[in-house]
């Protein structure tokens, strides 16, 4: 008799665990830094002129909700200087800053329930502000975020 009671309880626990992990996969996604593949666009020439690299990514912002489902595909071009006041900007630092800023910007924008075009515009603006702020682990002064301005580099898609 005791076995029968524990079996439904176990089933309920497993069901709730699966449900919560599925919910987190749908809502709590993170953009990995490797999504942002920076390529040189303007070569750096000493003693400090030029030097610009960019990454282009199509990002799908989505929020699954029964009351207000949201989805927007945004073209994101992230540009960073090769060198700024803080020294050299490595590809790894640029990737981490871009990914952290994109994650935070997505959360801000998805809370606002905006139409697609407005959501993408707001996403880019928040992402640019965040990339230069102390809200990311390695801020990059001079970073720029916009829509695609042309085919400068290889385009990536997330997810």
C-alpha atoms as a PDB file:
ATOM      1  CA  UNK A   1       0.000   0.000   0.000  1.00  0.00           C
ATOM      2  CA  UNK A   2       2.790   2.399   0.893  1.00  0.00           C
ATOM      3  CA  UNK A   3       4.417   1.704  -2.482  1.00  0.00           C
ATOM      4  CA  UNK A   4       1.307   2.910  -4.353  1.00  0.00           C
ATOM      5  CA  UNK A   5       1.301   6.265  -2.603  1.00  0.00           C
ATOM      6  CA  UNK A   6       4.970   6.926  -3.220  1.00  0.00           C
ATOM      7  CA  UNK A   7       4.761   6.058  -6.921  1.00  0.00           C
ATOM      8  CA  UNK A   8       2.301   8.897  -7.764  1.00  0.00           C
ATOM      9  CA  UNK A   9       4.340  11.279  -5.624  1.00  0.00           C
ATOM     10  CA  UNK A  10       7.513  10.278  -7.452  1.00  0.00           C
ATOM     11  CA  UNK A  11       5.743  10.700 -10.765  1.00  0.00           C
ATOM     12  CA  UNK A  12       4.595  14.170  -9.778  1.00  0.00           C
ATOM     13  CA  UNK A  13       8.117  15.167  -8.704  1.00  0.00           C
ATOM     14  CA  UNK A  14       9.582  13.921 -12.002  1.00  0.00           C
ATOM     15  CA  UNK A  15       6.857  15.713 -13.977  1.00  0.00           C
ATOM     16  CA  UNK A  16       7.468  19.004 -12.149  1.00  0.00           C
ATOM     17  CA  UNK A  17      11.232  18.689 -12.628  1.00  0.00           C
ATOM     18  CA  UNK A  18      10.802  18.107 -16.367  1.00  0.00           C
ATOM     19  CA  UNK A  19       8.302  20.943 -16.650  1.00  0.00           C
ATOM     20  CA  UNK A  20      10.572  23.413 -14.874  1.00  0.00           C
ATOM     21  CA  UNK A  21      13.611  22.458 -16.967  1.00  0.00           C
ATOM     22  CA  UNK A  22      11.588  22.850 -20.180  1.00  0.00           C
ATOM     23  CA  UNK A  23      10.353  26.252 -19.014  1.00  0.00           C
ATOM     24  CA  UNK A  24      13.903  27.389 -18.262  1.00  0.00           C
ATOM     25  CA  UNK A  25      15.089  26.220 -21.678  1.00  0.00           C
ATOM     26  CA  UNK A  26      12.392  28.278 -23.379  1.00  0.00           C
ATOM     27  CA  UNK A  27      12.669  31.454 -21.344  1.00  0.00           C
ATOM     28  CA  UNK A  28      16.120  31.534 -19.766  1.00  0.00           C
ATOM     29  CA  UNK A  29      18.378  31.111 -22.802  1.00  0.00           C
ATOM     30  CA  UNK A  30      21.766  32.748 -22.911  1.00  0.00           C
ATOM     31  CA  UNK A  31      23.714  33.850 -25.959  1.00  0.00           C
ATOM     32  CA  UNK A  32      27.136  32.184 -25.827  1.00  0.00           C
ATOM     33  CA  UNK A  33      30.152  34.451 -26.414  1.00  0.00           C
ATOM     34  CA  UNK A  34      31.229  32.283 -29.367  1.00  0.00           C
ATOM     35  CA  UNK A  35      28.153  33.513 -31.270  1.00  0.00           C
ATOM     36  CA  UNK A  36      29.957  36.819 -31.785  1.00  0.00           C
ATOM     37  CA  UNK A  37      32.764  36.037 -34.242  1.00  0.00           C
ATOM     38  CA  UNK A  38      34.696  39.286 -34.564  1.00  0.00           C
ATOM     39  CA  UNK A  39      36.597  39.898 -37.791  1.00  0.00           C
ATOM     40  CA  UNK A  40      38.895  42.783 -38.657  1.00  0.00           C
ATOM     41  CA  UNK A  41      37.247  45.416 -40.836  1.00  0.00           C
ATOM     42  CA  UNK A  42      39.783  48.260 -40.599  1.00  0.00           C
ATOM     43  CA  UNK A  43      43.381  47.245 -39.901  1.00  0.00           C
ATOM     44  CA  UNK A  44      45.231  48.832 -36.999  1.00  0.00           C
ATOM     45  CA  UNK A  45      48.188  50.960 -38.048  1.00  0.00           C
ATOM     46  CA  UNK A  46      50.620  52.273 -35.458  1.00  0.00           C
ATOM     47  CA  UNK A  47      50.921  54.691 -33.720  1.00  0.00           C
ATOM     48  CA  UNK A  48      47.230  54.284 -32.974  1.00  0.00           C
ATOM     49  CA  UNK A  49      45.148  54.996 -36.040  1.00  0.00           C
ATOM     50  CA  UNK A  50      42.369  52.797 -37.336  1.00  0.00           C
ATOM     51  CA  UNK A  51      41.693  49.370 -36.025  1.00  0.00           C
ATOM     52  CA  UNK A  52      38.085  48.186 -35.972  1.00  0.00           C
ATOM     53  CA  UNK A  53      36.518  44.748 -35.811  1.00  0.00           C
ATOM     54  CA  UNK A  54      32.910  43.706 -36.131  1.00  0.00           C
ATOM     55  CA  UNK A  55      30.554  40.771 -35.678  1.00  0.00           C
ATOM     56  CA  UNK A  56      27.125  40.359 -37.269  1.00  0.00           C
ATOM     57  CA  UNK A  57      24.482  38.154 -35.674  1.00  0.00           C
ATOM     58  CA  UNK A  58      20.779  37.512 -36.284  1.00  0.00           C
ATOM     59  CA  UNK A  59      19.316  37.150 -32.794  1.00  0.00           C
ATOM     60  CA  UNK A  60      15.889  35.650 -32.124  1.00  0.00           C
ATOM     61  CA  UNK A  61      14.364  37.299 -29.077  1.00  0.00           C
ATOM     62  CA  UNK A  62      11.434  35.292 -27.814  1.00  0.00           C
ATOM     63  CA  UNK A  63       9.301  34.955 -24.747  1.00  0.00           C
ATOM     64  CA  UNK A  64       6.824  32.131 -24.418  1.00  0.00           C
ATOM     65  CA  UNK A  65       3.723  33.294 -22.606  1.00  0.00           C
ATOM     66  CA  UNK A  66       0.078  32.309 -22.785  1.00  0.00           C
ATOM     67  CA  UNK A  67      -1.037  35.920 -22.308  1.00  0.00           C
ATOM     68  CA  UNK A  68       1.511  37.770 -24.473  1.00  0.00           C
ATOM     69  CA  UNK A  69       3.873  35.601 -26.552  1.00  0.00           C
ATOM     70  CA  UNK A  70       6.666  37.638 -28.071  1.00  0.00           C
ATOM     71  CA  UNK A  71       9.141  37.039 -30.875  1.00  0.00           C
ATOM     72  CA  UNK A  72      11.472  39.298 -32.850  1.00  0.00           C
ATOM     73  CA  UNK A  73      14.407  38.543 -35.135  1.00  0.00           C
ATOM     74  CA  UNK A  74      16.964  41.329 -34.822  1.00  0.00           C
ATOM     75  CA  UNK A  75      19.995  41.984 -36.985  1.00  0.00           C
ATOM     76  CA  UNK A  76      22.850  43.026 -34.719  1.00  0.00           C
ATOM     77  CA  UNK A  77      26.169  44.448 -35.836  1.00  0.00           C
ATOM     78  CA  UNK A  78      28.647  44.898 -32.986  1.00  0.00           C
ATOM     79  CA  UNK A  79      31.764  46.936 -33.678  1.00  0.00           C
ATOM     80  CA  UNK A  80      34.674  47.465 -31.315  1.00  0.00           C
ATOM     81  CA  UNK A  81      38.003  49.255 -31.657  1.00  0.00           C
ATOM     82  CA  UNK A  82      41.147  47.143 -31.933  1.00  0.00           C
ATOM     83  CA  UNK A  83      42.635  49.395 -29.269  1.00  0.00           C
ATOM     84  CA  UNK A  84      41.046  51.942 -26.927  1.00  0.00           C
ATOM     85  CA  UNK A  85      42.048  53.968 -23.865  1.00  0.00           C
ATOM     86  CA  UNK A  86      42.291  50.753 -21.824  1.00  0.00           C
ATOM     87  CA  UNK A  87      44.653  49.034 -24.282  1.00  0.00           C
ATOM     88  CA  UNK A  88      44.100  46.220 -26.760  1.00  0.00           C
ATOM     89  CA  UNK A  89      40.587  44.801 -27.101  1.00  0.00           C
ATOM     90  CA  UNK A  90      40.932  41.047 -27.563  1.00  0.00           C
ATOM     91  CA  UNK A  91      38.367  39.041 -29.501  1.00  0.00           C
ATOM     92  CA  UNK A  92      37.593  37.118 -26.307  1.00  0.00           C
ATOM     93  CA  UNK A  93      36.905  40.294 -24.306  1.00  0.00           C
ATOM     94  CA  UNK A  94      34.698  41.615 -27.113  1.00  0.00           C
ATOM     95  CA  UNK A  95      32.807  38.304 -27.298  1.00  0.00           C
ATOM     96  CA  UNK A  96      32.169  38.175 -23.549  1.00  0.00           C
ATOM     97  CA  UNK A  97      31.070  41.822 -23.374  1.00  0.00           C
ATOM     98  CA  UNK A  98      28.749  41.375 -26.377  1.00  0.00           C
ATOM     99  CA  UNK A  99      27.185  38.182 -24.978  1.00  0.00           C
ATOM    100  CA  UNK A 100      26.659  39.650 -21.499  1.00  0.00           C
ATOM    101  CA  UNK A 101      25.204  42.856 -22.933  1.00  0.00           C
ATOM    102  CA  UNK A 102      22.922  40.910 -25.296  1.00  0.00           C
ATOM    103  CA  UNK A 103      21.592  38.738 -22.451  1.00  0.00           C
ATOM    104  CA  UNK A 104      20.828  41.755 -20.259  1.00  0.00           C
ATOM    105  CA  UNK A 105      19.361  43.775 -23.138  1.00  0.00           C
ATOM    106  CA  UNK A 106      17.088  40.862 -24.100  1.00  0.00           C
ATOM    107  CA  UNK A 107      15.698  40.640 -20.571  1.00  0.00           C
ATOM    108  CA  UNK A 108      15.029  44.389 -20.482  1.00  0.00           C
ATOM    109  CA  UNK A 109      13.310  44.438 -23.881  1.00  0.00           C
ATOM    110  CA  UNK A 110      11.219  41.296 -23.390  1.00  0.00           C
ATOM    111  CA  UNK A 111       9.736  42.712 -20.175  1.00  0.00           C
ATOM    112  CA  UNK A 112       8.439  45.740 -22.114  1.00  0.00           C
ATOM    113  CA  UNK A 113       6.141  43.878 -24.568  1.00  0.00           C
ATOM    114  CA  UNK A 114       7.153  45.905 -27.619  1.00  0.00           C
ATOM    115  CA  UNK A 115       6.372  45.418 -31.303  1.00  0.00           C
ATOM    116  CA  UNK A 116       9.119  43.739 -33.352  1.00  0.00           C
ATOM    117  CA  UNK A 117      10.749  46.800 -34.957  1.00  0.00           C
ATOM    118  CA  UNK A 118      10.678  48.765 -31.713  1.00  0.00           C
ATOM    119  CA  UNK A 119      11.957  45.758 -29.753  1.00  0.00           C
ATOM    120  CA  UNK A 120      14.974  45.417 -32.064  1.00  0.00           C
ATOM    121  CA  UNK A 121      15.739  49.142 -31.886  1.00  0.00           C
ATOM    122  CA  UNK A 122      15.521  49.095 -28.084  1.00  0.00           C
ATOM    123  CA  UNK A 123      17.588  45.893 -27.926  1.00  0.00           C
ATOM    124  CA  UNK A 124      20.418  47.525 -29.922  1.00  0.00           C
ATOM    125  CA  UNK A 125      20.318  50.709 -27.827  1.00  0.00           C
ATOM    126  CA  UNK A 126      20.395  48.817 -24.527  1.00  0.00           C
ATOM    127  CA  UNK A 127      23.123  46.504 -25.803  1.00  0.00           C
ATOM    128  CA  UNK A 128      25.358  49.421 -26.827  1.00  0.00           C
ATOM    129  CA  UNK A 129      24.883  51.164 -23.480  1.00  0.00           C
ATOM    130  CA  UNK A 130      25.587  47.949 -21.582  1.00  0.00           C
ATOM    131  CA  UNK A 131      28.739  47.099 -23.559  1.00  0.00           C
ATOM    132  CA  UNK A 132      30.292  50.362 -22.384  1.00  0.00           C
ATOM    133  CA  UNK A 133      29.036  50.167 -18.787  1.00  0.00           C
ATOM    134  CA  UNK A 134      30.273  48.456 -15.655  1.00  0.00           C
ATOM    135  CA  UNK A 135      27.242  46.138 -15.878  1.00  0.00           C
ATOM    136  CA  UNK A 136      29.375  43.787 -18.007  1.00  0.00           C
ATOM    137  CA  UNK A 137      32.560  42.154 -16.731  1.00  0.00           C
ATOM    138  CA  UNK A 138      34.840  43.934 -19.236  1.00  0.00           C
ATOM    139  CA  UNK A 139      33.284  47.146 -20.603  1.00  0.00           C
ATOM    140  CA  UNK A 140      34.556  48.313 -23.989  1.00  0.00           C
ATOM    141  CA  UNK A 141      34.642  52.100 -24.458  1.00  0.00           C
ATOM    142  CA  UNK A 142      33.961  52.951 -28.085  1.00  0.00           C
ATOM    143  CA  UNK A 143      31.822  49.864 -28.803  1.00  0.00           C
ATOM    144  CA  UNK A 144      28.956  50.399 -31.241  1.00  0.00           C
ATOM    145  CA  UNK A 145      25.820  48.339 -31.828  1.00  0.00           C
ATOM    146  CA  UNK A 146      23.559  48.823 -34.851  1.00  0.00           C
ATOM    147  CA  UNK A 147      21.603  46.922 -37.451  1.00  0.00           C
ATOM    148  CA  UNK A 148      23.518  45.398 -40.361  1.00  0.00           C
ATOM    149  CA  UNK A 149      25.210  48.128 -42.392  1.00  0.00           C
ATOM    150  CA  UNK A 150      26.356  45.807 -45.143  1.00  0.00           C
ATOM    151  CA  UNK A 151      28.065  42.473 -45.471  1.00  0.00           C
ATOM    152  CA  UNK A 152      31.258  43.310 -43.611  1.00  0.00           C
ATOM    153  CA  UNK A 153      31.895  39.956 -41.965  1.00  0.00           C
ATOM    154  CA  UNK A 154      30.470  36.433 -41.763  1.00  0.00           C
ATOM    155  CA  UNK A 155      26.950  36.471 -40.342  1.00  0.00           C
ATOM    156  CA  UNK A 156      25.924  34.160 -37.530  1.00  0.00           C
ATOM    157  CA  UNK A 157      22.480  33.199 -36.246  1.00  0.00           C
ATOM    158  CA  UNK A 158      21.315  32.602 -32.668  1.00  0.00           C
ATOM    159  CA  UNK A 159      19.695  30.257 -31.915  1.00  0.00           C
END
